[in-house]
Protein backbone atom coordinates (compact mmCIF):
# COMPACT_ATOMS: atom_id res chain seq x y z
CA MET A 1 266.91 159.10 -69.30
CA ASN A 2 264.21 157.41 -67.21
CA VAL A 3 264.96 153.93 -65.93
CA GLN A 4 261.99 151.79 -64.90
CA THR A 5 262.66 149.02 -62.42
CA GLN A 6 261.01 145.71 -63.28
CA ILE A 7 259.31 144.29 -60.19
CA LYS A 8 260.28 140.68 -59.64
CA ARG A 9 257.33 138.33 -59.76
CA THR A 10 256.44 136.38 -56.64
CA ALA A 11 256.27 132.59 -56.55
CA ALA A 12 252.46 132.80 -56.51
CA GLU A 13 252.37 135.06 -59.57
CA ASP A 14 254.70 132.76 -61.48
CA ALA A 15 252.59 129.75 -60.52
CA LEU A 16 249.36 131.33 -61.78
CA ILE A 17 250.91 132.39 -65.08
CA GLU A 18 252.49 128.99 -65.62
CA ALA A 19 249.25 127.21 -64.73
CA PHE A 20 247.33 129.16 -67.35
CA ALA A 21 249.98 128.47 -69.96
CA GLU A 22 249.63 124.76 -69.23
CA ARG A 23 245.85 124.53 -68.86
CA GLY A 24 244.33 127.47 -70.72
CA THR A 25 243.75 125.74 -74.04
CA SER A 26 242.34 122.57 -72.45
CA LEU A 27 239.66 124.34 -70.36
CA PRO A 28 236.05 124.14 -71.62
CA GLY A 29 234.63 127.07 -73.54
CA SER A 30 233.59 128.59 -76.83
CA ALA A 31 235.70 131.12 -78.74
CA SER A 32 234.11 133.99 -76.81
CA VAL A 33 234.88 132.25 -73.51
CA ALA A 34 238.49 131.64 -74.59
CA GLU A 35 238.92 135.35 -75.33
CA LYS A 36 237.53 136.23 -71.89
CA ARG A 37 239.97 133.79 -70.30
CA ASN A 38 242.88 135.33 -72.21
CA GLN A 39 241.84 138.82 -71.08
CA ALA A 40 241.78 137.65 -67.47
CA ALA A 41 245.18 135.98 -67.86
CA ARG A 42 246.67 139.19 -69.25
CA LEU A 43 245.45 141.00 -66.13
CA LEU A 44 247.14 138.39 -63.94
CA GLU A 45 250.40 138.98 -65.78
CA GLN A 46 250.39 142.52 -64.34
CA GLY A 47 250.80 141.00 -60.89
CA LEU A 48 248.71 140.50 -57.78
CA PRO A 49 247.54 143.67 -55.99
CA SER A 50 249.50 145.05 -53.07
CA ARG A 51 248.42 147.53 -50.39
CA LYS A 52 249.28 150.31 -52.86
CA VAL A 53 246.01 149.45 -54.65
CA GLU A 54 243.22 151.20 -52.73
CA ALA A 55 240.72 148.33 -53.01
CA TRP A 56 243.34 145.98 -51.55
CA HIS A 57 244.93 148.37 -49.05
CA TYR A 58 244.06 146.20 -46.03
CA THR A 59 244.67 142.89 -47.80
CA ASP A 60 248.06 142.86 -49.46
CA LEU A 61 247.39 139.87 -51.70
CA ARG A 62 250.89 139.96 -53.17
CA ARG A 63 252.29 139.35 -49.70
CA LEU A 64 249.56 137.20 -48.16
CA LEU A 65 249.23 134.78 -51.08
CA SER A 66 252.83 133.68 -50.80
CA SER A 67 252.44 130.46 -52.78
CA VAL A 68 249.95 128.74 -55.06
CA PRO A 69 249.63 124.95 -55.20
CA ALA A 70 249.59 123.13 -58.52
CA PHE A 71 246.40 121.63 -59.91
CA ASP A 72 245.95 118.09 -58.64
CA PRO A 73 243.91 116.04 -61.16
CA THR A 74 244.15 112.96 -58.94
CA ALA A 75 242.51 114.59 -55.90
CA THR A 76 238.99 113.36 -55.16
CA ALA A 77 236.42 114.92 -52.85
CA SER A 78 233.26 113.47 -51.33
CA GLN A 79 229.89 115.08 -50.87
CA LYS A 80 229.25 116.26 -47.29
CA GLU A 81 226.15 116.19 -45.16
CA PRO A 82 224.03 119.30 -45.84
CA LEU A 83 224.00 122.17 -43.39
CA ILE A 84 220.25 121.66 -43.00
CA ALA A 85 218.92 118.10 -43.11
CA GLY A 86 216.74 117.42 -46.13
CA SER A 87 218.25 120.13 -48.34
CA THR A 88 218.68 119.50 -52.05
CA VAL A 89 222.47 119.23 -52.47
CA LEU A 90 224.14 120.26 -55.73
CA PRO A 91 227.77 119.17 -55.21
CA VAL A 92 230.87 120.41 -56.99
CA LEU A 93 233.64 117.99 -56.01
CA ASN A 94 237.15 119.33 -56.50
CA GLY A 95 235.95 121.56 -59.31
CA VAL A 96 233.65 119.08 -61.10
CA ALA A 97 229.87 119.33 -60.91
CA GLY A 98 228.18 116.13 -59.76
CA ALA A 99 225.44 114.35 -61.68
CA VAL A 100 222.26 115.37 -59.88
CA LYS A 101 218.62 115.92 -60.69
CA ALA A 102 217.15 119.41 -60.53
CA PRO A 103 214.24 120.13 -58.19
CA GLU A 104 210.96 119.55 -60.03
CA GLY A 105 210.10 122.41 -62.39
CA PHE A 106 213.53 124.02 -62.14
CA ALA A 107 216.15 124.29 -64.86
CA LEU A 108 219.61 123.07 -63.88
CA SER A 109 222.73 122.81 -65.99
CA SER A 110 226.45 122.51 -65.43
CA VAL A 111 228.69 125.52 -65.89
CA ALA A 112 230.90 123.35 -68.13
CA ASP A 113 227.98 123.10 -70.59
CA LYS A 114 227.35 126.84 -70.34
CA LEU A 115 231.01 127.52 -71.08
CA ALA A 116 230.95 125.16 -74.04
CA ASP A 117 228.00 126.89 -75.72
CA GLY A 118 229.26 130.38 -74.84
CA SER A 119 226.17 131.43 -72.88
CA LEU A 120 228.25 132.11 -69.76
CA ALA A 121 230.73 134.36 -71.58
CA PRO A 122 228.97 137.64 -70.59
CA LEU A 123 229.51 136.75 -66.92
CA LEU A 124 233.24 136.11 -67.27
CA GLY A 125 236.00 138.63 -66.89
CA PRO A 126 236.85 141.18 -64.21
CA VAL A 127 234.59 144.15 -63.49
CA ASP A 128 237.60 146.48 -63.38
CA LYS A 129 241.40 146.32 -63.35
CA ASP A 130 241.44 145.73 -59.58
CA ASP A 131 238.97 142.82 -59.75
CA THR A 132 241.58 140.15 -59.12
CA VAL A 133 239.15 137.59 -57.68
CA SER A 134 237.11 137.51 -60.87
CA ALA A 135 240.25 137.57 -63.02
CA ILE A 136 241.65 134.44 -61.36
CA ASN A 137 238.30 132.69 -61.51
CA SER A 138 237.57 133.67 -65.12
CA ALA A 139 240.94 132.35 -66.21
CA PHE A 140 240.54 128.91 -64.61
CA ALA A 141 236.89 128.12 -63.77
CA ALA A 142 235.79 124.94 -65.50
CA ASP A 143 232.55 123.88 -63.82
CA GLY A 144 229.82 124.63 -61.31
CA PHE A 145 226.04 124.91 -61.51
CA ALA A 146 223.57 127.25 -63.21
CA LEU A 147 220.14 127.20 -61.55
CA ASP A 148 216.94 128.77 -62.89
CA ILE A 149 214.03 129.08 -60.43
CA PRO A 150 210.80 129.79 -62.32
CA ALA A 151 208.46 132.72 -61.68
CA GLY A 152 206.08 132.22 -58.79
CA ALA A 153 207.87 129.17 -57.40
CA ARG A 154 208.11 128.59 -53.66
CA LEU A 155 211.22 126.66 -52.74
CA ASP A 156 210.24 125.19 -49.35
CA ILE A 157 213.33 122.96 -49.22
CA PRO A 158 216.69 124.81 -49.31
CA VAL A 159 219.09 124.23 -52.18
CA GLU A 160 222.71 123.75 -51.08
CA LEU A 161 225.45 124.56 -53.56
CA GLN A 162 228.24 122.49 -52.04
CA ASN A 163 231.77 123.33 -53.17
CA VAL A 164 234.13 120.72 -51.69
CA GLN A 165 237.84 120.82 -52.50
CA ALA A 166 240.40 118.11 -51.92
CA GLY A 167 243.58 120.10 -52.51
CA GLY A 168 245.53 121.86 -55.25
CA GLN A 169 243.64 124.61 -57.06
CA VAL A 170 239.84 124.65 -57.35
CA HIS A 171 237.98 127.34 -59.30
CA THR A 172 234.19 127.15 -59.50
CA ARG A 173 231.35 129.34 -60.70
CA PHE A 174 227.66 129.44 -59.81
CA ALA A 175 224.82 131.27 -61.55
CA ALA A 176 221.24 131.55 -60.33
CA ARG A 177 218.18 133.33 -61.66
CA VAL A 178 215.16 133.66 -59.39
CA GLY A 179 212.02 134.41 -61.38
CA GLU A 180 209.41 137.06 -60.70
CA GLY A 181 207.56 136.56 -57.42
CA ALA A 182 209.51 133.43 -56.48
CA ASN A 183 210.66 132.56 -52.97
CA ALA A 184 213.85 130.58 -52.30
CA THR A 185 216.57 129.73 -49.79
CA VAL A 186 220.00 128.92 -51.25
CA ILE A 187 223.02 127.87 -49.20
CA GLU A 188 226.48 128.23 -50.72
CA ARG A 189 228.94 126.15 -48.71
CA GLN A 190 232.69 126.37 -49.21
CA MET A 191 234.48 123.42 -47.60
CA GLY A 192 237.61 121.37 -48.03
CA ASP A 193 239.70 118.45 -46.90
CA ALA A 194 243.18 119.90 -47.56
CA ASP A 195 245.12 123.10 -48.05
CA ALA A 196 244.28 124.65 -51.41
CA LEU A 197 243.73 127.81 -53.41
CA VAL A 198 240.00 128.17 -54.01
CA SER A 199 238.19 130.81 -56.03
CA SER A 200 234.41 130.80 -56.25
CA VAL A 201 232.32 133.41 -58.06
CA SER A 202 228.52 133.51 -57.97
CA HIS A 203 225.99 135.48 -60.01
CA LEU A 204 222.47 136.02 -58.71
CA GLU A 205 219.58 137.71 -60.49
CA VAL A 206 216.57 138.39 -58.25
CA GLY A 207 213.42 138.96 -60.30
CA ASP A 208 210.72 141.55 -59.58
CA GLY A 209 208.84 140.82 -56.37
CA ALA A 210 211.00 137.79 -55.49
CA ASP A 211 212.18 137.05 -51.95
CA VAL A 212 215.55 135.27 -51.56
CA LEU A 213 217.66 134.18 -48.62
CA TRP A 214 221.21 133.36 -49.77
CA LEU A 215 223.77 132.06 -47.27
CA ILE A 216 227.52 131.82 -47.84
CA VAL A 217 229.22 129.60 -45.25
CA GLN A 218 233.00 129.49 -45.72
CA ASP A 219 234.54 126.75 -43.60
CA GLN A 220 237.80 125.88 -45.34
CA PRO A 221 240.77 124.17 -43.63
CA GLU A 222 243.07 126.49 -41.72
CA GLY A 223 245.79 126.32 -44.37
CA ALA A 224 243.59 127.13 -47.37
CA SER A 225 243.27 130.41 -49.27
CA HIS A 226 239.73 131.34 -50.31
CA LEU A 227 238.81 134.05 -52.82
CA GLY A 228 235.05 134.50 -53.10
CA GLN A 229 232.75 136.90 -54.90
CA ILE A 230 228.99 137.24 -55.34
CA ASN A 231 227.46 139.56 -57.94
CA VAL A 232 223.79 140.46 -57.52
CA ARG A 233 221.10 142.42 -59.35
CA ILE A 234 217.82 143.01 -57.49
CA GLY A 235 214.59 143.75 -59.37
CA LYS A 236 211.58 145.93 -58.57
CA ASN A 237 210.03 145.37 -55.12
CA ALA A 238 212.31 142.34 -54.66
CA LYS A 239 214.05 141.41 -51.43
CA LEU A 240 217.40 139.73 -50.87
CA THR A 241 218.87 138.73 -47.51
CA LEU A 242 222.51 137.73 -47.85
CA PHE A 243 224.13 136.05 -44.85
CA VAL A 244 227.90 135.50 -44.84
CA MET A 245 229.75 133.40 -42.26
CA ASN A 246 233.54 133.05 -42.43
CA ILE A 247 235.11 130.48 -40.13
CA GLY A 248 238.22 128.85 -41.63
CA ALA A 249 241.03 129.47 -44.15
CA LYS A 250 244.30 131.25 -43.46
CA LEU A 251 243.36 133.86 -46.10
CA THR A 252 239.84 134.91 -47.06
CA ARG A 253 238.65 137.63 -49.38
CA GLN A 254 234.86 137.62 -49.79
CA GLU A 255 233.53 140.30 -52.11
CA VAL A 256 229.88 141.34 -52.28
CA ARG A 257 228.83 143.39 -55.31
CA VAL A 258 225.15 144.36 -55.38
CA VAL A 259 223.04 146.60 -57.62
CA ALA A 260 219.58 147.51 -56.30
CA GLU A 261 218.30 148.35 -59.77
CA GLY A 262 214.55 147.98 -59.26
CA GLU A 263 212.40 150.62 -57.56
CA GLY A 264 211.35 149.54 -54.08
CA SER A 265 213.95 146.78 -53.82
CA GLU A 266 215.50 145.83 -50.48
CA PHE A 267 218.90 144.37 -49.62
CA ARG A 268 220.01 143.07 -46.24
CA LEU A 269 223.56 141.89 -45.50
CA ARG A 270 224.27 140.07 -42.28
CA GLY A 271 227.76 138.81 -41.60
CA VAL A 272 229.59 136.82 -38.92
CA ASN A 273 233.39 136.47 -39.01
CA LEU A 274 234.91 134.06 -36.50
CA LEU A 275 238.67 134.61 -36.69
CA SER A 276 241.38 132.69 -34.89
CA GLY A 277 245.04 131.67 -35.20
CA GLN A 278 246.88 133.83 -37.73
CA THR A 279 244.08 134.05 -40.26
CA HIS A 280 243.34 137.10 -42.39
CA CYS A 281 239.73 137.67 -43.41
CA ASP A 282 238.50 140.50 -45.65
CA VAL A 283 234.83 141.16 -46.47
CA THR A 284 234.50 143.89 -49.10
CA MET A 285 231.11 145.18 -50.25
CA ILE A 286 230.13 147.56 -53.04
CA LEU A 287 226.42 148.39 -53.08
CA ASP A 288 224.81 150.56 -55.76
CA HIS A 289 221.40 152.07 -55.08
CA ALA A 290 220.40 152.74 -58.68
CA ALA A 291 216.63 153.26 -58.37
CA PRO A 292 214.24 155.32 -56.18
CA ALA A 293 212.84 154.12 -52.85
CA THR A 294 215.38 151.34 -52.34
CA ALA A 295 216.51 150.24 -48.88
CA SER A 296 219.48 148.41 -47.41
CA THR A 297 220.91 147.47 -44.03
CA GLU A 298 224.30 145.87 -43.42
CA ILE A 299 225.29 144.48 -40.01
CA LEU A 300 228.53 142.60 -39.41
CA ARG A 301 229.60 140.98 -36.16
CA ASN A 302 233.24 139.93 -35.83
CA VAL A 303 234.93 137.86 -33.14
CA VAL A 304 238.73 138.00 -33.18
CA THR A 305 241.12 135.92 -31.10
CA ASP A 306 244.80 134.91 -31.16
CA LYS A 307 246.72 136.87 -33.85
CA ALA A 308 243.92 136.97 -36.40
CA GLU A 309 243.28 140.00 -38.61
CA GLY A 310 239.96 141.10 -40.04
CA VAL A 311 238.77 143.73 -42.50
CA PHE A 312 235.40 145.12 -43.56
CA GLN A 313 235.25 147.56 -46.44
CA GLY A 314 231.72 148.73 -47.16
CA GLN A 315 230.95 151.21 -49.92
CA ILE A 316 227.39 152.42 -50.55
CA ARG A 317 226.82 154.45 -53.70
CA VAL A 318 223.55 156.30 -54.24
CA ALA A 319 222.81 157.41 -57.81
CA ARG A 320 221.35 160.82 -58.65
CA ASP A 321 217.97 159.30 -59.52
CA ALA A 322 217.82 157.09 -56.42
CA GLN A 323 215.77 159.48 -54.29
CA LYS A 324 214.17 158.20 -51.07
CA THR A 325 217.03 155.74 -50.53
CA ASP A 326 217.31 154.41 -46.98
CA ALA A 327 220.72 152.83 -46.28
CA LYS A 328 222.33 151.94 -42.96
CA MET A 329 225.58 150.08 -42.29
CA SER A 330 227.30 148.97 -39.08
CA CYS A 331 230.33 146.85 -38.20
CA ASN A 332 230.83 145.64 -34.61
CA THR A 333 233.89 143.76 -33.42
CA LEU A 334 234.63 141.81 -30.24
CA LEU A 335 238.37 141.42 -29.56
CA LEU A 336 239.26 138.43 -27.39
CA SER A 337 243.03 138.92 -27.74
CA ASP A 338 245.43 141.83 -27.42
CA GLU A 339 247.25 140.54 -30.51
CA GLY A 340 244.20 140.39 -32.81
CA SER A 341 243.01 143.31 -34.93
CA PHE A 342 240.11 144.42 -37.10
CA SER A 343 239.92 147.33 -39.55
CA ALA A 344 236.67 148.88 -40.76
CA LYS A 345 236.34 151.24 -43.70
CA PRO A 346 232.74 152.36 -44.31
CA GLU A 347 232.08 154.72 -47.24
CA LEU A 348 229.07 156.65 -48.52
CA GLU A 349 229.00 158.18 -52.00
CA ILE A 350 225.71 160.04 -52.40
CA PHE A 351 224.52 161.97 -55.46
CA ALA A 352 220.81 162.17 -54.52
CA ASP A 353 219.53 164.84 -52.14
CA ASP A 354 216.54 163.11 -50.49
CA VAL A 355 218.05 160.13 -48.69
CA ALA A 356 218.56 158.69 -45.21
CA CYS A 357 222.02 157.12 -45.02
CA GLY A 358 224.40 156.39 -42.18
CA HIS A 359 227.17 154.12 -40.96
CA GLY A 360 229.00 153.22 -37.78
CA ALA A 361 231.69 150.91 -36.39
CA THR A 362 232.70 149.75 -32.91
CA VAL A 363 235.50 147.66 -31.43
CA THR A 364 235.23 146.36 -27.87
CA GLU A 365 236.33 143.66 -25.46
CA ILE A 366 234.23 141.39 -23.25
CA GLU A 367 232.63 143.48 -20.52
CA GLN A 368 234.26 142.37 -17.27
CA ASP A 369 231.18 143.24 -15.20
CA HIS A 370 229.08 140.91 -17.34
CA LEU A 371 231.69 138.16 -17.01
CA PHE A 372 231.84 138.59 -13.23
CA TYR A 373 228.03 138.47 -13.01
CA LEU A 374 227.91 135.07 -14.71
CA MET A 375 230.89 133.63 -12.83
CA ALA A 376 229.41 134.76 -9.52
CA ARG A 377 226.48 132.46 -10.27
CA GLY A 378 228.64 129.38 -10.56
CA ILE A 379 229.40 129.46 -14.29
CA ASP A 380 233.06 128.73 -15.14
CA GLU A 381 234.98 131.42 -17.03
CA LYS A 382 235.17 129.67 -20.42
CA THR A 383 231.45 128.91 -20.44
CA ALA A 384 230.66 132.46 -19.34
CA ARG A 385 232.81 133.92 -22.11
CA GLY A 386 231.10 131.61 -24.58
CA LEU A 387 227.66 132.81 -23.51
CA LEU A 388 228.68 136.46 -23.96
CA VAL A 389 230.23 135.79 -27.38
CA LYS A 390 227.16 133.87 -28.50
CA ALA A 391 224.88 136.70 -27.36
CA PHE A 392 227.00 139.17 -29.34
CA VAL A 393 226.76 137.13 -32.55
CA ALA A 394 223.38 135.43 -32.21
CA GLU A 395 221.47 138.68 -32.65
CA VAL A 396 222.23 138.82 -36.37
CA ILE A 397 221.71 135.06 -36.83
CA GLU A 398 218.28 135.13 -35.19
CA GLU A 399 217.17 137.89 -37.56
CA LEU A 400 216.96 135.26 -40.30
CA GLU A 401 213.64 134.02 -38.87
CA ASN A 402 214.19 130.52 -40.26
CA GLU A 403 214.40 128.11 -37.35
CA ALA A 404 216.34 125.40 -39.19
CA VAL A 405 218.88 127.91 -40.54
CA VAL A 406 219.30 129.59 -37.15
CA GLU A 407 219.85 126.27 -35.37
CA ALA A 408 222.44 125.14 -37.93
CA LEU A 409 224.42 128.38 -37.76
CA GLU A 410 224.32 128.55 -33.96
CA ALA A 411 225.56 124.95 -33.79
CA ARG A 412 228.53 125.95 -35.98
CA LEU A 413 229.14 128.96 -33.70
CA ASP A 414 229.13 126.72 -30.61
CA ALA A 415 231.59 124.30 -32.24
CA TRP A 416 233.95 127.12 -33.17
CA PHE A 417 233.95 128.58 -29.66
CA ALA A 418 234.47 125.14 -28.07
CA GLU A 419 237.69 124.92 -30.10
CA HIS A 420 238.88 128.53 -29.99
CA GLY A 421 237.18 130.16 -27.00
């Protein structure tokens, strides 16, 4: 006789299940949305993933997410100053989309409305059984913004999707469609005023010939847990540059799921992870080259101090028909502490035979000769270390070729190092 041992649920698992039982029927959505929510909730009942699940091997969510706060309907958040002055801010304040006017000529609606009419249902639900981020978000997300940028539009002023939490649990969703030949800069900012569990899932469709710069800046309080995901489809001859900066939160899992489905499309990922204290930060990317003559480059720069832990998992999959694919991936880490760590797991899965693909990873410390050179010229040690760290990171920031964006990100880098350097 076989005896199966029932694994005892953690406090976090119990809290999520109980929260859905209390809130599930009151969340906005059509019948199709309700069924998607129930499917996601059933997946949560199986438990959070541990390191035994390959996709979560370096981020044992069952252990790291030790508790989940209750929803706090009384918490109120305030809109923040935009990252770049003059940006059009679309605020979601503690899970509720603000009343704002769309940029002229653009279609803007709340996710709550999209849930109510069922049009967002196809975007809900996990991609696979290990897609815990989407499962949590699909079960609880109640609002956000859906933005439609028309074909041929040039968005000279950035749009900032501002997700500000004030504690408890906050689950938001964003959807954006960039029309054929359009040009846009979108900033997705994740911020907060208190410890919280935050999940945020974005969907981006880049039309044929469009050119998009999308920034994700995660700057949550040090006690928060942030689960993020962006899902992207890139059209023919379109270009997407995705920049990810992780600064705060005790636990971060940022997933990037991209399909280069149009011939001649190009994807660039640039990432900066600034890790301190006892934080754990995981950036996981799955990139599918599904069409011929597509290109991608991924460069991550990580700075680790104190007892922080970091992870980059990057998987590039090249389909049989995706001949002439050019894909390169690198992950470079600067360790400022003997107690910090960073794990890199690059993967290539190639079914085409005419491709140029490669990957690499490095881990290093500050070069003492470089430090001595600066200090010998009258620069104090902390300032000298800051200059070397900034030089290590600034290379990928300056690639963005947008002066206002570069200045804003470098200012955030300087502020972080002033506190943690």
